[in-house]
Structure formats: C-alpha cells, structure tokens
Amino acid sequence: MEDRAFLDAVATFERGAMREASPADICAIYKQYKPILEKLIPLIRAIPLIGKGVAAALEALKGALDAYCPTSGPLREARPGTSASEADFLRALSAFDPALHESRAEAVDLCAVYAKVKPVLEPIIPFLALIPGYGTAIAAGLTLLLTAMGKLCPTPA
C-alpha cells in the first residue's frame, strides 16, 4: 500500500495543509486525494457485506471527479514557451472560472453523483479514521472533498 503518491497524499491531509473547502477547491482536493482513493477502493471492496456497495460509491465519486477535473483544458494548458509563473497563473485562474465549473458539473452531473454517494460515504468516515497509520488522513481528505462538493451541490435537508 505504500507508494510515493499515496504517502504524499496522506502527509498532505495529516498536516492539515488543505483545511478550507470551497467549490473552487474541488479539483485541487481531488488531485491530492486521488492516490488515497485508488488504494482505498480495493481495501473497502474486501469488507464483507458492505464493501462492494461502499466501493461502488467511491468508484462513482472517482469517475465523476475524473470527468469534472480534467488534467488539462483550455485555461490549464500553457503554450510552449510560457514561463513557469505564467503557467501557474493560468492553472490557478481556471479554478475560479465559474462557467468552466458549471459546464463540467452539468456534463458529468456531479451533483447527482454527490447526492447518491453522500449518504453512503459520510457514515463510513469514522470507520476510515480507525485504519492504522493512515486512517486520520484518509478520513480528513474524504471529509474535505465531500464538504467542498456539498457547497457546490447543496442538498435539501
């Protein structure tokens, strides 16, 4: 279970480096959390009785976020010869483009996926926190991601 991307992601959430959750942060949070999610899904799937359903919810969440948070796009890609600071600026700017987020959310129906997975995933967060060595970071990352999604996709109480 220990590869560099996973350990870096765990360290990010253990340090509390990502504390605020806003809709503009969904892709940044997901980028950091994805290596954890990729390791977590097979482990969860192996849990008797509930594992397959919870793993399916995590896979649905991952699929929706993969579509919502592409690794490249018109504002994220810098042209050849663009300085590193300009490239960083373009990537940062894309996080605040509401039209970009709204169109992606509609295209993948991110809010519908969130509404379906939230009641499955929120109750397991305390149990994820019990995983030896990594649980606190795993739970913190999923909580942060769901909180950001909840601000983008408010659900009726």
Foldseek 3Di string as FASTA:
>chain_A
DDDDLQVQLLVCLVVCVPPDAALLCLLVLCSSLVVVLVVVLVVQCPDPPCSVVLSVLSVLLVVLSCQQRPPDDDQQDDDPPDDPVSNVVSNSVVSPDVVSNVVSCVVSVNLVSLVVSVVVPPVCLVVQLPDPPRSSSNSSSVVSNSVNSCNVRPDDD
